């Protein structure tokens, strides 16, 4: 899928993804359920990849 967005929209999405990533890291540390923690870590990987792609 390809999405055409403006530079301003790209920056906004990157900022939102970075914010979500920071919140996710806190949630991962606070989670005691191993299964849920693994799902959060998978989401963290996807968010990191997204931030990287939005930074290009």
C-alpha atoms as a PDB file:
ATOM      1  CA  UNK A   1       0.000   0.000   0.000  1.00  0.00           C
ATOM      2  CA  UNK A   2       1.186   3.465  -0.806  1.00  0.00           C
ATOM      3  CA  UNK A   3      -0.005   6.608   0.895  1.00  0.00           C
ATOM      4  CA  UNK A   4       0.589  10.109  -0.422  1.00  0.00           C
ATOM      5  CA  UNK A   5       0.868  12.600   2.429  1.00  0.00           C
ATOM      6  CA  UNK A   6       2.299  16.063   2.827  1.00  0.00           C
ATOM      7  CA  UNK A   7       5.546  16.762   4.650  1.00  0.00           C
ATOM      8  CA  UNK A   8       3.566  18.262   7.517  1.00  0.00           C
ATOM      9  CA  UNK A   9       1.390  15.148   7.774  1.00  0.00           C
ATOM     10  CA  UNK A  10       4.492  12.954   7.692  1.00  0.00           C
ATOM     11  CA  UNK A  11       6.028  14.907  10.574  1.00  0.00           C
ATOM     12  CA  UNK A  12       2.788  14.654  12.558  1.00  0.00           C
ATOM     13  CA  UNK A  13       2.607  10.887  12.048  1.00  0.00           C
ATOM     14  CA  UNK A  14       6.248  10.508  13.066  1.00  0.00           C
ATOM     15  CA  UNK A  15       5.675  12.582  16.203  1.00  0.00           C
ATOM     16  CA  UNK A  16       2.599  10.539  17.124  1.00  0.00           C
ATOM     17  CA  UNK A  17       4.440   7.268  16.532  1.00  0.00           C
ATOM     18  CA  UNK A  18       7.387   8.414  18.659  1.00  0.00           C
ATOM     19  CA  UNK A  19       5.003   9.431  21.443  1.00  0.00           C
ATOM     20  CA  UNK A  20       3.244   6.066  21.276  1.00  0.00           C
ATOM     21  CA  UNK A  21       6.627   4.331  21.340  1.00  0.00           C
ATOM     22  CA  UNK A  22       7.605   6.126  24.540  1.00  0.00           C
ATOM     23  CA  UNK A  23       4.318   5.219  26.200  1.00  0.00           C
ATOM     24  CA  UNK A  24       4.656   1.644  25.018  1.00  0.00           C
ATOM     25  CA  UNK A  25       8.090   1.270  26.611  1.00  0.00           C
ATOM     26  CA  UNK A  26       6.611   2.291  29.965  1.00  0.00           C
ATOM     27  CA  UNK A  27       3.734  -0.148  29.545  1.00  0.00           C
ATOM     28  CA  UNK A  28       6.145  -2.983  28.677  1.00  0.00           C
ATOM     29  CA  UNK A  29       8.092  -2.370  31.898  1.00  0.00           C
ATOM     30  CA  UNK A  30       4.921  -2.286  34.005  1.00  0.00           C
ATOM     31  CA  UNK A  31       3.292  -5.372  32.501  1.00  0.00           C
ATOM     32  CA  UNK A  32       3.582  -8.524  34.560  1.00  0.00           C
ATOM     33  CA  UNK A  33       1.923 -10.890  32.074  1.00  0.00           C
ATOM     34  CA  UNK A  34       4.619 -12.411  29.882  1.00  0.00           C
ATOM     35  CA  UNK A  35       2.280 -13.096  26.947  1.00  0.00           C
ATOM     36  CA  UNK A  36       0.991  -9.523  26.893  1.00  0.00           C
ATOM     37  CA  UNK A  37       4.527  -8.197  27.243  1.00  0.00           C
ATOM     38  CA  UNK A  38       5.555 -10.188  24.149  1.00  0.00           C
ATOM     39  CA  UNK A  39       2.684  -8.685  22.149  1.00  0.00           C
ATOM     40  CA  UNK A  40       3.706  -5.211  23.277  1.00  0.00           C
ATOM     41  CA  UNK A  41       7.305  -5.875  22.239  1.00  0.00           C
ATOM     42  CA  UNK A  42       6.123  -6.924  18.769  1.00  0.00           C
ATOM     43  CA  UNK A  43       4.196  -3.676  18.540  1.00  0.00           C
ATOM     44  CA  UNK A  44       7.318  -1.796  19.658  1.00  0.00           C
ATOM     45  CA  UNK A  45       9.288  -3.294  16.763  1.00  0.00           C
ATOM     46  CA  UNK A  46       6.606  -2.220  14.283  1.00  0.00           C
ATOM     47  CA  UNK A  47       6.511   1.300  15.712  1.00  0.00           C
ATOM     48  CA  UNK A  48      10.298   1.611  15.495  1.00  0.00           C
ATOM     49  CA  UNK A  49      10.185   0.545  11.855  1.00  0.00           C
ATOM     50  CA  UNK A  50       7.402   3.020  11.165  1.00  0.00           C
ATOM     51  CA  UNK A  51       9.293   5.888  12.808  1.00  0.00           C
ATOM     52  CA  UNK A  52      12.338   5.010  10.717  1.00  0.00           C
ATOM     53  CA  UNK A  53      10.342   4.988   7.495  1.00  0.00           C
ATOM     54  CA  UNK A  54       8.639   8.266   8.348  1.00  0.00           C
ATOM     55  CA  UNK A  55      12.017   9.890   9.030  1.00  0.00           C
ATOM     56  CA  UNK A  56      13.140   9.326   5.426  1.00  0.00           C
END
